[in-house]
Amino acid sequence: MALSECEVLGREDLPPAIAHAEQVEGIQAGVRSGRLGFDAAVARFEEDLLRDALERSAWNQTRAAAQLGITRRQLKLKMDRYGIEAPAGS
């Protein structure tokens, strides 16, 4: 954090463990408050896991799938389900 050039830190500036814990807590809070049902919470958690693996692998789908313990085909099907697309230039 001391090396950040920004005045405000974003999620991308946090260590992955902290950022992930924050995401999980947000999903749990949504379920507790009734804003999120079980299926929606599971879908949101799955999408977060997919995006995290893709970002950590620099959007290499084969490596992301391996990190998640699924096939590349399964990853692609899940990406399509959640509308996840690689950023331009990836």
N, C-alpha and C. Protein backbone atom coordinates (compact mmCIF):
# COMPACT_ATOMS: atom_id res chain seq x y z
N MET A 1 0.82 -1.18 0.00
CA MET A 1 0.00 0.00 0.00
C MET A 1 0.87 1.25 0.00
N ALA A 2 2.00 1.16 0.67
CA ALA A 2 2.87 2.32 0.75
C ALA A 2 3.44 2.69 -0.63
N LEU A 3 3.50 1.72 -1.54
CA LEU A 3 4.07 1.96 -2.85
C LEU A 3 3.03 2.37 -3.89
N SER A 4 1.78 2.40 -3.51
CA SER A 4 0.72 2.76 -4.46
C SER A 4 0.83 4.22 -4.85
N GLU A 5 0.59 4.49 -6.13
CA GLU A 5 0.62 5.86 -6.61
C GLU A 5 -0.75 6.51 -6.54
N CYS A 6 -1.77 5.74 -6.21
CA CYS A 6 -3.14 6.25 -6.14
C CYS A 6 -3.44 6.75 -4.73
N GLU A 7 -4.35 7.72 -4.66
CA GLU A 7 -4.78 8.22 -3.36
C GLU A 7 -5.78 7.27 -2.71
N VAL A 8 -6.55 6.57 -3.54
CA VAL A 8 -7.55 5.63 -3.05
C VAL A 8 -7.18 4.24 -3.55
N LEU A 9 -7.14 3.29 -2.63
CA LEU A 9 -6.81 1.92 -3.00
C LEU A 9 -8.06 1.19 -3.46
N GLY A 10 -7.91 0.37 -4.48
CA GLY A 10 -9.00 -0.44 -4.98
C GLY A 10 -8.77 -1.90 -4.64
N ARG A 11 -9.75 -2.74 -4.97
CA ARG A 11 -9.65 -4.17 -4.70
C ARG A 11 -8.40 -4.77 -5.33
N GLU A 12 -8.03 -4.27 -6.52
CA GLU A 12 -6.85 -4.79 -7.21
C GLU A 12 -5.55 -4.49 -6.48
N ASP A 13 -5.57 -3.55 -5.55
CA ASP A 13 -4.38 -3.22 -4.77
C ASP A 13 -4.22 -4.11 -3.54
N LEU A 14 -5.26 -4.86 -3.19
CA LEU A 14 -5.22 -5.71 -2.01
C LEU A 14 -4.60 -7.06 -2.34
N PRO A 15 -3.96 -7.69 -1.36
CA PRO A 15 -3.48 -9.05 -1.59
C PRO A 15 -4.68 -9.96 -1.91
N PRO A 16 -4.50 -10.95 -2.76
CA PRO A 16 -5.62 -11.80 -3.18
C PRO A 16 -6.41 -12.41 -2.02
N ALA A 17 -5.75 -12.82 -0.96
CA ALA A 17 -6.46 -13.44 0.16
C ALA A 17 -7.43 -12.46 0.81
N ILE A 18 -7.03 -11.23 0.94
CA ILE A 18 -7.89 -10.22 1.55
C ILE A 18 -9.04 -9.87 0.62
N ALA A 19 -8.74 -9.69 -0.65
CA ALA A 19 -9.78 -9.35 -1.63
C ALA A 19 -10.82 -10.47 -1.70
N HIS A 20 -10.36 -11.72 -1.70
CA HIS A 20 -11.28 -12.86 -1.77
C HIS A 20 -12.14 -12.93 -0.51
N ALA A 21 -11.54 -12.74 0.65
CA ALA A 21 -12.30 -12.78 1.90
C ALA A 21 -13.38 -11.70 1.89
N GLU A 22 -13.05 -10.54 1.35
CA GLU A 22 -14.02 -9.44 1.26
C GLU A 22 -15.19 -9.83 0.36
N GLN A 23 -14.91 -10.51 -0.74
CA GLN A 23 -15.97 -10.95 -1.65
C GLN A 23 -16.88 -11.96 -0.96
N VAL A 24 -16.29 -12.91 -0.27
CA VAL A 24 -17.07 -13.94 0.42
C VAL A 24 -17.96 -13.30 1.48
N GLU A 25 -17.40 -12.37 2.24
CA GLU A 25 -18.18 -11.70 3.28
C GLU A 25 -19.36 -10.93 2.67
N GLY A 26 -19.13 -10.31 1.52
CA GLY A 26 -20.21 -9.58 0.84
C GLY A 26 -21.33 -10.51 0.41
N ILE A 27 -20.97 -11.67 -0.10
CA ILE A 27 -21.97 -12.65 -0.52
C ILE A 27 -22.74 -13.16 0.69
N GLN A 28 -22.01 -13.48 1.77
CA GLN A 28 -22.68 -13.96 2.98
C GLN A 28 -23.63 -12.90 3.54
N ALA A 29 -23.21 -11.66 3.53
CA ALA A 29 -24.07 -10.58 4.02
C ALA A 29 -25.33 -10.47 3.18
N GLY A 30 -25.20 -10.66 1.88
CA GLY A 30 -26.36 -10.63 0.99
C GLY A 30 -27.35 -11.73 1.31
N VAL A 31 -26.85 -12.92 1.63
CA VAL A 31 -27.72 -14.04 1.97
C VAL A 31 -28.41 -13.77 3.31
N ARG A 32 -27.63 -13.32 4.29
CA ARG A 32 -28.19 -13.06 5.63
C ARG A 32 -29.28 -12.00 5.59
N SER A 33 -29.10 -10.99 4.76
CA SER A 33 -30.07 -9.90 4.70
C SER A 33 -31.27 -10.23 3.82
N GLY A 34 -31.19 -11.32 3.09
CA GLY A 34 -32.28 -11.70 2.22
C GLY A 34 -32.19 -11.10 0.82
N ARG A 35 -31.13 -10.33 0.56
CA ARG A 35 -30.95 -9.75 -0.78
C ARG A 35 -30.56 -10.79 -1.81
N LEU A 36 -29.88 -11.84 -1.36
CA LEU A 36 -29.43 -12.91 -2.26
C LEU A 36 -30.00 -14.24 -1.78
N GLY A 37 -30.55 -14.99 -2.71
CA GLY A 37 -30.96 -16.35 -2.40
C GLY A 37 -29.77 -17.29 -2.54
N PHE A 38 -29.97 -18.53 -2.16
CA PHE A 38 -28.88 -19.51 -2.19
C PHE A 38 -28.29 -19.65 -3.59
N ASP A 39 -29.14 -19.86 -4.58
CA ASP A 39 -28.65 -20.07 -5.95
C ASP A 39 -27.88 -18.86 -6.47
N ALA A 40 -28.39 -17.67 -6.18
CA ALA A 40 -27.71 -16.44 -6.63
C ALA A 40 -26.37 -16.29 -5.93
N ALA A 41 -26.30 -16.65 -4.64
CA ALA A 41 -25.04 -16.55 -3.89
C ALA A 41 -24.01 -17.53 -4.45
N VAL A 42 -24.44 -18.74 -4.75
CA VAL A 42 -23.53 -19.74 -5.31
C VAL A 42 -23.02 -19.28 -6.68
N ALA A 43 -23.92 -18.74 -7.49
CA ALA A 43 -23.53 -18.26 -8.82
C ALA A 43 -22.54 -17.11 -8.71
N ARG A 44 -22.79 -16.20 -7.79
CA ARG A 44 -21.88 -15.06 -7.62
C ARG A 44 -20.51 -15.51 -7.15
N PHE A 45 -20.50 -16.48 -6.22
CA PHE A 45 -19.23 -17.01 -5.72
C PHE A 45 -18.47 -17.71 -6.84
N GLU A 46 -19.19 -18.51 -7.64
CA GLU A 46 -18.56 -19.22 -8.75
C GLU A 46 -17.98 -18.22 -9.76
N GLU A 47 -18.74 -17.20 -10.08
CA GLU A 47 -18.24 -16.19 -11.02
C GLU A 47 -17.01 -15.50 -10.48
N ASP A 48 -17.00 -15.17 -9.19
CA ASP A 48 -15.83 -14.55 -8.58
C ASP A 48 -14.61 -15.46 -8.67
N LEU A 49 -14.81 -16.77 -8.42
CA LEU A 49 -13.69 -17.72 -8.52
C LEU A 49 -13.15 -17.79 -9.94
N LEU A 50 -14.05 -17.81 -10.91
CA LEU A 50 -13.63 -17.86 -12.32
C LEU A 50 -12.82 -16.62 -12.68
N ARG A 51 -13.35 -15.45 -12.35
CA ARG A 51 -12.65 -14.21 -12.68
C ARG A 51 -11.28 -14.15 -12.00
N ASP A 52 -11.22 -14.57 -10.74
CA ASP A 52 -9.95 -14.55 -10.02
C ASP A 52 -8.92 -15.46 -10.69
N ALA A 53 -9.33 -16.68 -11.04
CA ALA A 53 -8.41 -17.62 -11.69
C ALA A 53 -7.95 -17.08 -13.05
N LEU A 54 -8.87 -16.48 -13.79
CA LEU A 54 -8.52 -15.92 -15.09
C LEU A 54 -7.55 -14.75 -14.95
N GLU A 55 -7.78 -13.90 -13.97
CA GLU A 55 -6.87 -12.76 -13.76
C GLU A 55 -5.49 -13.24 -13.31
N ARG A 56 -5.46 -14.23 -12.40
CA ARG A 56 -4.17 -14.73 -11.92
C ARG A 56 -3.39 -15.44 -13.02
N SER A 57 -4.09 -15.97 -14.03
CA SER A 57 -3.42 -16.68 -15.13
C SER A 57 -3.23 -15.78 -16.35
N ALA A 58 -3.42 -14.48 -16.17
CA ALA A 58 -3.33 -13.52 -17.28
C ALA A 58 -4.28 -13.90 -18.41
N TRP A 59 -5.45 -14.39 -18.05
CA TRP A 59 -6.53 -14.77 -18.96
C TRP A 59 -6.17 -15.96 -19.86
N ASN A 60 -5.20 -16.77 -19.42
CA ASN A 60 -4.90 -18.02 -20.12
C ASN A 60 -5.90 -19.06 -19.61
N GLN A 61 -6.82 -19.45 -20.46
CA GLN A 61 -7.91 -20.32 -20.04
C GLN A 61 -7.43 -21.71 -19.62
N THR A 62 -6.42 -22.23 -20.26
CA THR A 62 -5.91 -23.55 -19.90
C THR A 62 -5.33 -23.53 -18.49
N ARG A 63 -4.55 -22.49 -18.18
CA ARG A 63 -3.97 -22.39 -16.83
C ARG A 63 -5.05 -22.11 -15.79
N ALA A 64 -6.01 -21.25 -16.12
CA ALA A 64 -7.09 -20.95 -15.17
C ALA A 64 -7.89 -22.21 -14.86
N ALA A 65 -8.19 -22.99 -15.87
CA ALA A 65 -8.93 -24.24 -15.66
C ALA A 65 -8.14 -25.19 -14.76
N ALA A 66 -6.84 -25.28 -15.00
CA ALA A 66 -6.00 -26.15 -14.18
C ALA A 66 -6.00 -25.68 -12.72
N GLN A 67 -5.93 -24.37 -12.49
CA GLN A 67 -5.97 -23.83 -11.13
C GLN A 67 -7.27 -24.21 -10.43
N LEU A 68 -8.35 -24.24 -11.19
CA LEU A 68 -9.66 -24.54 -10.61
C LEU A 68 -9.97 -26.03 -10.55
N GLY A 69 -9.14 -26.84 -11.20
CA GLY A 69 -9.36 -28.29 -11.19
C GLY A 69 -10.52 -28.71 -12.11
N ILE A 70 -10.73 -27.93 -13.18
CA ILE A 70 -11.77 -28.26 -14.16
C ILE A 70 -11.13 -28.28 -15.54
N THR A 71 -11.88 -28.79 -16.52
CA THR A 71 -11.34 -28.81 -17.88
C THR A 71 -11.49 -27.42 -18.50
N ARG A 72 -10.75 -27.19 -19.57
CA ARG A 72 -10.86 -25.92 -20.28
C ARG A 72 -12.26 -25.76 -20.85
N ARG A 73 -12.84 -26.85 -21.31
CA ARG A 73 -14.21 -26.81 -21.84
C ARG A 73 -15.19 -26.39 -20.76
N GLN A 74 -15.06 -26.96 -19.56
CA GLN A 74 -15.94 -26.56 -18.45
C GLN A 74 -15.78 -25.08 -18.14
N LEU A 75 -14.53 -24.62 -18.13
CA LEU A 75 -14.27 -23.20 -17.87
C LEU A 75 -14.96 -22.34 -18.92
N LYS A 76 -14.82 -22.70 -20.18
CA LYS A 76 -15.42 -21.91 -21.26
C LYS A 76 -16.93 -21.88 -21.14
N LEU A 77 -17.55 -23.01 -20.81
CA LEU A 77 -19.01 -23.06 -20.64
C LEU A 77 -19.45 -22.14 -19.51
N LYS A 78 -18.69 -22.14 -18.42
CA LYS A 78 -19.01 -21.27 -17.28
C LYS A 78 -18.78 -19.80 -17.62
N MET A 79 -17.73 -19.52 -18.37
CA MET A 79 -17.49 -18.14 -18.81
C MET A 79 -18.66 -17.65 -19.65
N ASP A 80 -19.14 -18.50 -20.55
CA ASP A 80 -20.28 -18.14 -21.39
C ASP A 80 -21.53 -17.92 -20.54
N ARG A 81 -21.75 -18.77 -19.54
CA ARG A 81 -22.92 -18.65 -18.67
C ARG A 81 -22.94 -17.30 -17.96
N TYR A 82 -21.76 -16.83 -17.52
CA TYR A 82 -21.69 -15.58 -16.76
C TYR A 82 -21.31 -14.38 -17.62
N GLY A 83 -21.15 -14.59 -18.92
CA GLY A 83 -20.81 -13.48 -19.81
C GLY A 83 -19.43 -12.93 -19.56
N ILE A 84 -18.50 -13.80 -19.16
CA ILE A 84 -17.13 -13.37 -18.87
C ILE A 84 -16.33 -13.41 -20.17
N GLU A 85 -15.76 -12.28 -20.51
CA GLU A 85 -14.92 -12.17 -21.71
C GLU A 85 -13.58 -11.58 -21.33
N ALA A 86 -12.54 -12.05 -22.00
CA ALA A 86 -11.20 -11.53 -21.75
C ALA A 86 -11.15 -10.05 -22.14
N PRO A 87 -10.46 -9.25 -21.35
CA PRO A 87 -10.32 -7.84 -21.73
C PRO A 87 -9.55 -7.70 -23.04
N ALA A 88 -9.81 -6.65 -23.76
CA ALA A 88 -9.11 -6.39 -25.01
C ALA A 88 -7.61 -6.40 -24.78
N GLY A 89 -6.90 -7.07 -25.65
CA GLY A 89 -5.44 -7.13 -25.54
C GLY A 89 -4.92 -8.28 -24.71
N SER A 90 -5.83 -9.13 -24.21
CA SER A 90 -5.39 -10.27 -23.38
C SER A 90 -5.14 -11.47 -24.23
